[in-house]
All heavy atoms as atom14 arrays in JSON, in Angstrom:
{
  "sequence": "QMTSLKPEDTAVYYCAAAPSGVYNYWGQGTQ",
  "atom14_mask": [
    [1, 1, 1, 1, 1, 1, 1, 1, 1, 0, 0, 0, 0, 0],
    [1, 1, 1, 1, 1, 1, 1, 1, 0, 0, 0, 0, 0, 0],
    [1, 1, 1, 1, 1, 1, 1, 0, 0, 0, 0, 0, 0, 0],
    [1, 1, 1, 1, 1, 1, 0, 0, 0, 0, 0, 0, 0, 0],
    [1, 1, 1, 1, 1, 1, 1, 1, 0, 0, 0, 0, 0, 0],
    [1, 1, 1, 1, 1, 1, 1, 1, 1, 0, 0, 0, 0, 0],
    [1, 1, 1, 1, 1, 1, 1, 0, 0, 0, 0, 0, 0, 0],
    [1, 1, 1, 1, 1, 1, 1, 1, 1, 0, 0, 0, 0, 0],
    [1, 1, 1, 1, 1, 1, 1, 1, 0, 0, 0, 0, 0, 0],
    [1, 1, 1, 1, 1, 1, 1, 0, 0, 0, 0, 0, 0, 0],
    [1, 1, 1, 1, 1, 0, 0, 0, 0, 0, 0, 0, 0, 0],
    [1, 1, 1, 1, 1, 1, 1, 0, 0, 0, 0, 0, 0, 0],
    [1, 1, 1, 1, 1, 1, 1, 1, 1, 1, 1, 1, 0, 0],
    [1, 1, 1, 1, 1, 1, 1, 1, 1, 1, 1, 1, 0, 0],
    [1, 1, 1, 1, 1, 1, 0, 0, 0, 0, 0, 0, 0, 0],
    [1, 1, 1, 1, 1, 0, 0, 0, 0, 0, 0, 0, 0, 0],
    [1, 1, 1, 1, 1, 0, 0, 0, 0, 0, 0, 0, 0, 0],
    [1, 1, 1, 1, 1, 0, 0, 0, 0, 0, 0, 0, 0, 0],
    [1, 1, 1, 1, 1, 1, 1, 0, 0, 0, 0, 0, 0, 0],
    [1, 1, 1, 1, 1, 1, 0, 0, 0, 0, 0, 0, 0, 0],
    [1, 1, 1, 1, 0, 0, 0, 0, 0, 0, 0, 0, 0, 0],
    [1, 1, 1, 1, 1, 1, 1, 0, 0, 0, 0, 0, 0, 0],
    [1, 1, 1, 1, 1, 1, 1, 1, 1, 1, 1, 1, 0, 0],
    [1, 1, 1, 1, 1, 1, 1, 1, 0, 0, 0, 0, 0, 0],
    [1, 1, 1, 1, 1, 1, 1, 1, 1, 1, 1, 1, 0, 0],
    [1, 1, 1, 1, 1, 1, 1, 1, 1, 1, 1, 1, 1, 1],
    [1, 1, 1, 1, 0, 0, 0, 0, 0, 0, 0, 0, 0, 0],
    [1, 1, 1, 1, 1, 1, 1, 1, 1, 0, 0, 0, 0, 0],
    [1, 1, 1, 1, 0, 0, 0, 0, 0, 0, 0, 0, 0, 0],
    [1, 1, 1, 1, 1, 1, 1, 0, 0, 0, 0, 0, 0, 0],
    [1, 1, 1, 1, 1, 1, 1, 1, 1, 0, 0, 0, 0, 0]
  ],
  "atom14_positions": [
    [[0.84, -1.18, 0.0], [0.0, 0.0, 0.0], [0.89, 1.24, 0.0], [1.7, 1.42, 0.91], [-0.92, 0.01, 1.22], [-1.84, 1.22, 1.31], [-2.88, 1.24, 0.22], [-3.58, 0.26, 0.0], [-2.99, 2.36, -0.48], [0.0, 0.0, 0.0], [0.0, 0.0, 0.0], [0.0, 0.0, 0.0], [0.0, 0.0, 0.0], [0.0, 0.0, 0.0]],
    [[0.73, 2.06, -1.0], [1.53, 3.25, -1.15], [0.64, 4.48, -1.05], [-0.38, 4.57, -1.73], [2.27, 3.25, -2.49], [3.11, 1.99, -2.72], [4.05, 2.05, -4.28], [2.71, 2.03, -5.46], [0.0, 0.0, 0.0], [0.0, 0.0, 0.0], [0.0, 0.0, 0.0], [0.0, 0.0, 0.0], [0.0, 0.0, 0.0], [0.0, 0.0, 0.0]],
    [[1.03, 5.4, -0.21], [0.28, 6.63, -0.02], [1.19, 7.83, -0.2], [2.41, 7.71, -0.19], [-0.36, 6.68, 1.38], [0.66, 6.65, 2.39], [-1.3, 5.51, 1.59], [0.0, 0.0, 0.0], [0.0, 0.0, 0.0], [0.0, 0.0, 0.0], [0.0, 0.0, 0.0], [0.0, 0.0, 0.0], [0.0, 0.0, 0.0], [0.0, 0.0, 0.0]],
    [[0.57, 8.99, -0.36], [1.31, 10.24, -0.55], [2.4, 10.09, -1.6], [3.56, 10.47, -1.4], [1.91, 10.71, 0.78], [0.9, 10.92, 1.75], [0.0, 0.0, 0.0], [0.0, 0.0, 0.0], [0.0, 0.0, 0.0], [0.0, 0.0, 0.0], [0.0, 0.0, 0.0], [0.0, 0.0, 0.0], [0.0, 0.0, 0.0], [0.0, 0.0, 0.0]],
    [[2.02, 9.56, -2.72], [2.99, 9.25, -3.76], [3.6, 10.51, -4.35], [2.94, 11.54, -4.48], [2.34, 8.43, -4.87], [2.1, 6.96, -4.5], [1.13, 6.31, -5.47], [3.42, 6.21, -4.47], [0.0, 0.0, 0.0], [0.0, 0.0, 0.0], [0.0, 0.0, 0.0], [0.0, 0.0, 0.0], [0.0, 0.0, 0.0], [0.0, 0.0, 0.0]],
    [[4.87, 10.39, -4.69], [5.64, 11.49, -5.25], [6.17, 11.1, -6.63], [6.3, 9.91, -6.91], [6.82, 11.83, -4.33], [6.42, 12.13, -2.9], [7.65, 12.29, -2.02], [7.26, 12.56, -0.58], [8.45, 12.7, 0.3], [0.0, 0.0, 0.0], [0.0, 0.0, 0.0], [0.0, 0.0, 0.0], [0.0, 0.0, 0.0], [0.0, 0.0, 0.0]],
    [[6.48, 12.07, -7.47], [7.03, 11.73, -8.78], [8.27, 10.85, -8.7], [8.48, 10.02, -9.59], [7.36, 13.1, -9.38], [6.36, 14.02, -8.76], [6.21, 13.51, -7.34], [0.0, 0.0, 0.0], [0.0, 0.0, 0.0], [0.0, 0.0, 0.0], [0.0, 0.0, 0.0], [0.0, 0.0, 0.0], [0.0, 0.0, 0.0], [0.0, 0.0, 0.0]],
    [[9.08, 11.01, -7.67], [10.27, 10.19, -7.53], [9.97, 8.74, -7.18], [10.88, 7.9, -7.16], [11.24, 10.78, -6.49], [10.59, 11.08, -5.15], [10.2, 12.54, -5.0], [9.66, 13.11, -5.97], [10.43, 13.11, -3.92], [0.0, 0.0, 0.0], [0.0, 0.0, 0.0], [0.0, 0.0, 0.0], [0.0, 0.0, 0.0], [0.0, 0.0, 0.0]],
    [[8.71, 8.42, -6.89], [8.31, 7.04, -6.69], [8.08, 6.31, -8.0], [7.84, 5.1, -8.01], [7.03, 6.97, -5.84], [7.24, 7.46, -4.42], [8.28, 7.14, -3.83], [6.34, 8.16, -3.91], [0.0, 0.0, 0.0], [0.0, 0.0, 0.0], [0.0, 0.0, 0.0], [0.0, 0.0, 0.0], [0.0, 0.0, 0.0], [0.0, 0.0, 0.0]],
    [[8.12, 7.03, -9.1], [7.94, 6.43, -10.41], [9.02, 5.39, -10.67], [10.21, 5.69, -10.6], [7.96, 7.5, -11.51], [6.85, 8.38, -11.34], [7.88, 6.85, -12.88], [0.0, 0.0, 0.0], [0.0, 0.0, 0.0], [0.0, 0.0, 0.0], [0.0, 0.0, 0.0], [0.0, 0.0, 0.0], [0.0, 0.0, 0.0], [0.0, 0.0, 0.0]],
    [[8.61, 4.17, -10.96], [9.54, 3.07, -11.17], [8.77, 1.83, -11.55], [7.55, 1.78, -11.47], [10.36, 2.81, -9.9], [0.0, 0.0, 0.0], [0.0, 0.0, 0.0], [0.0, 0.0, 0.0], [0.0, 0.0, 0.0], [0.0, 0.0, 0.0], [0.0, 0.0, 0.0], [0.0, 0.0, 0.0], [0.0, 0.0, 0.0], [0.0, 0.0, 0.0]],
    [[9.51, 0.81, -11.97], [8.94, -0.52, -12.09], [9.1, -1.2, -10.74], [10.21, -1.26, -10.2], [9.63, -1.34, -13.19], [9.06, -2.75, -13.23], [9.47, -0.67, -14.54], [0.0, 0.0, 0.0], [0.0, 0.0, 0.0], [0.0, 0.0, 0.0], [0.0, 0.0, 0.0], [0.0, 0.0, 0.0], [0.0, 0.0, 0.0], [0.0, 0.0, 0.0]],
    [[8.01, -1.69, -10.2], [8.02, -2.34, -8.9], [7.98, -3.85, -9.07], [7.13, -4.38, -9.79], [6.84, -1.87, -8.06], [7.03, -0.48, -7.5], [6.98, 0.64, -8.33], [7.28, -0.27, -6.14], [7.18, 1.91, -7.83], [7.46, 1.0, -5.63], [7.42, 2.09, -6.48], [7.6, 3.35, -5.97], [0.0, 0.0, 0.0], [0.0, 0.0, 0.0]],
    [[8.89, -4.53, -8.4], [9.01, -5.97, -8.48], [8.76, -6.61, -7.11], [9.17, -6.06, -6.09], [10.41, -6.39, -8.93], [10.83, -5.87, -10.28], [11.48, -4.65, -10.41], [10.6, -6.62, -11.42], [11.88, -4.18, -11.65], [11.01, -6.16, -12.67], [11.65, -4.94, -12.77], [12.05, -4.49, -14.0], [0.0, 0.0, 0.0], [0.0, 0.0, 0.0]],
    [[8.13, -7.76, -7.11], [8.09, -8.55, -5.9], [9.03, -9.73, -6.06], [9.3, -10.19, -7.17], [6.67, -9.02, -5.55], [5.92, -10.18, -6.71], [0.0, 0.0, 0.0], [0.0, 0.0, 0.0], [0.0, 0.0, 0.0], [0.0, 0.0, 0.0], [0.0, 0.0, 0.0], [0.0, 0.0, 0.0], [0.0, 0.0, 0.0], [0.0, 0.0, 0.0]],
    [[9.55, -10.21, -4.94], [10.49, -11.31, -4.95], [10.34, -12.13, -3.69], [9.94, -11.61, -2.65], [11.93, -10.78, -5.07], [0.0, 0.0, 0.0], [0.0, 0.0, 0.0], [0.0, 0.0, 0.0], [0.0, 0.0, 0.0], [0.0, 0.0, 0.0], [0.0, 0.0, 0.0], [0.0, 0.0, 0.0], [0.0, 0.0, 0.0], [0.0, 0.0, 0.0]],
    [[10.67, -13.41, -3.79], [10.59, -14.31, -2.66], [11.96, -14.86, -2.32], [12.75, -15.17, -3.22], [9.62, -15.46, -2.95], [0.0, 0.0, 0.0], [0.0, 0.0, 0.0], [0.0, 0.0, 0.0], [0.0, 0.0, 0.0], [0.0, 0.0, 0.0], [0.0, 0.0, 0.0], [0.0, 0.0, 0.0], [0.0, 0.0, 0.0], [0.0, 0.0, 0.0]],
    [[12.22, -14.97, -1.03], [13.51, -15.45, -0.54], [13.29, -16.6, 0.43], [13.23, -16.39, 1.64], [14.28, -14.32, 0.14], [0.0, 0.0, 0.0], [0.0, 0.0, 0.0], [0.0, 0.0, 0.0], [0.0, 0.0, 0.0], [0.0, 0.0, 0.0], [0.0, 0.0, 0.0], [0.0, 0.0, 0.0], [0.0, 0.0, 0.0], [0.0, 0.0, 0.0]],
    [[13.18, -17.82, -0.07], [12.96, -18.96, 0.82], [14.17, -19.34, 1.65], [14.02, -20.02, 2.67], [12.58, -20.09, -0.15], [13.23, -19.71, -1.43], [13.18, -18.21, -1.48], [0.0, 0.0, 0.0], [0.0, 0.0, 0.0], [0.0, 0.0, 0.0], [0.0, 0.0, 0.0], [0.0, 0.0, 0.0], [0.0, 0.0, 0.0], [0.0, 0.0, 0.0]],
    [[15.36, -18.94, 1.23], [16.58, -19.33, 1.93], [17.56, -18.18, 2.08], [18.76, -18.37, 2.0], [17.24, -20.51, 1.21], [17.57, -20.17, -0.13], [0.0, 0.0, 0.0], [0.0, 0.0, 0.0], [0.0, 0.0, 0.0], [0.0, 0.0, 0.0], [0.0, 0.0, 0.0], [0.0, 0.0, 0.0], [0.0, 0.0, 0.0], [0.0, 0.0, 0.0]],
    [[17.04, -16.98, 2.28], [17.9, -15.84, 2.51], [18.33, -15.09, 1.27], [18.97, -14.05, 1.38], [0.0, 0.0, 0.0], [0.0, 0.0, 0.0], [0.0, 0.0, 0.0], [0.0, 0.0, 0.0], [0.0, 0.0, 0.0], [0.0, 0.0, 0.0], [0.0, 0.0, 0.0], [0.0, 0.0, 0.0], [0.0, 0.0, 0.0], [0.0, 0.0, 0.0]],
    [[17.98, -15.59, 0.11], [18.33, -14.96, -1.15], [17.06, -14.78, -1.98], [16.27, -15.71, -2.11], [19.35, -15.79, -1.94], [19.64, -15.14, -3.29], [20.63, -15.97, -1.14], [0.0, 0.0, 0.0], [0.0, 0.0, 0.0], [0.0, 0.0, 0.0], [0.0, 0.0, 0.0], [0.0, 0.0, 0.0], [0.0, 0.0, 0.0], [0.0, 0.0, 0.0]],
    [[16.88, -13.6, -2.52], [15.73, -13.34, -3.38], [15.98, -13.96, -4.75], [16.57, -13.33, -5.64], [15.46, -11.84, -3.5], [14.92, -11.21, -2.24], [15.72, -10.45, -1.41], [13.58, -11.4, -1.89], [15.22, -9.87, -0.26], [13.07, -10.83, -0.73], [13.89, -10.06, 0.08], [13.38, -9.49, 1.23], [0.0, 0.0, 0.0], [0.0, 0.0, 0.0]],
    [[15.54, -15.19, -4.92], [15.8, -15.91, -6.16], [14.55, -16.17, -6.99], [14.63, -16.84, -8.02], [16.54, -17.21, -5.89], [15.88, -18.08, -4.83], [14.77, -17.8, -4.39], [16.58, -19.13, -4.42], [0.0, 0.0, 0.0], [0.0, 0.0, 0.0], [0.0, 0.0, 0.0], [0.0, 0.0, 0.0], [0.0, 0.0, 0.0], [0.0, 0.0, 0.0]],
    [[13.4, -15.7, -6.54], [12.18, -15.76, -7.33], [11.67, -14.35, -7.52], [11.45, -13.62, -6.55], [11.11, -16.61, -6.65], [11.5, -18.06, -6.48], [11.93, -18.55, -5.26], [11.42, -18.94, -7.56], [12.29, -19.89, -5.11], [11.77, -20.28, -7.42], [12.2, -20.74, -6.19], [12.55, -22.06, -6.04], [0.0, 0.0, 0.0], [0.0, 0.0, 0.0]],
    [[11.47, -13.98, -8.77], [11.1, -12.61, -9.1], [9.91, -12.56, -10.04], [9.76, -13.42, -10.91], [12.27, -11.88, -9.77], [13.42, -11.64, -8.84], [14.41, -12.52, -8.52], [13.71, -10.44, -8.13], [15.29, -11.93, -7.64], [14.89, -10.66, -7.39], [13.08, -9.19, -8.04], [15.45, -9.68, -6.57], [13.64, -8.22, -7.23], [14.82, -8.47, -6.51]],
    [[9.09, -11.55, -9.88], [8.01, -11.3, -10.8], [8.48, -10.47, -11.97], [9.64, -10.08, -12.06], [0.0, 0.0, 0.0], [0.0, 0.0, 0.0], [0.0, 0.0, 0.0], [0.0, 0.0, 0.0], [0.0, 0.0, 0.0], [0.0, 0.0, 0.0], [0.0, 0.0, 0.0], [0.0, 0.0, 0.0], [0.0, 0.0, 0.0], [0.0, 0.0, 0.0]],
    [[7.57, -10.2, -12.88], [7.89, -9.44, -14.08], [7.88, -7.93, -13.85], [8.43, -7.18, -14.66], [6.92, -9.79, -15.21], [7.06, -11.2, -15.74], [8.38, -11.43, -16.42], [9.26, -12.1, -15.88], [8.55, -10.87, -17.6], [0.0, 0.0, 0.0], [0.0, 0.0, 0.0], [0.0, 0.0, 0.0], [0.0, 0.0, 0.0], [0.0, 0.0, 0.0]],
    [[7.27, -7.5, -12.78], [7.23, -6.09, -12.46], [5.96, -5.42, -12.92], [5.3, -5.86, -13.86], [0.0, 0.0, 0.0], [0.0, 0.0, 0.0], [0.0, 0.0, 0.0], [0.0, 0.0, 0.0], [0.0, 0.0, 0.0], [0.0, 0.0, 0.0], [0.0, 0.0, 0.0], [0.0, 0.0, 0.0], [0.0, 0.0, 0.0], [0.0, 0.0, 0.0]],
    [[5.62, -4.34, -12.25], [4.48, -3.53, -12.64], [4.88, -2.06, -12.58], [5.55, -1.62, -11.66], [3.26, -3.81, -11.73], [2.12, -3.08, -12.19], [3.54, -3.46, -10.27], [0.0, 0.0, 0.0], [0.0, 0.0, 0.0], [0.0, 0.0, 0.0], [0.0, 0.0, 0.0], [0.0, 0.0, 0.0], [0.0, 0.0, 0.0], [0.0, 0.0, 0.0]],
    [[4.49, -1.33, -13.59], [4.9, 0.07, -13.73], [4.04, 0.97, -12.87], [2.81, 0.91, -12.91], [4.81, 0.51, -15.19], [5.14, 1.98, -15.42], [6.61, 2.3, -15.22], [7.48, 1.59, -15.76], [6.9, 3.34, -14.46], [0.0, 0.0, 0.0], [0.0, 0.0, 0.0], [0.0, 0.0, 0.0], [0.0, 0.0, 0.0], [0.0, 0.0, 0.0]]
  ]
}
């Protein structure tokens, strides 16, 4: 949940999972 958004928040946002301490599963991203 993102509030009070600013122009500098513009980016591709990715989610990732780290089952063993390393983020080795990644999504495609959303703009």
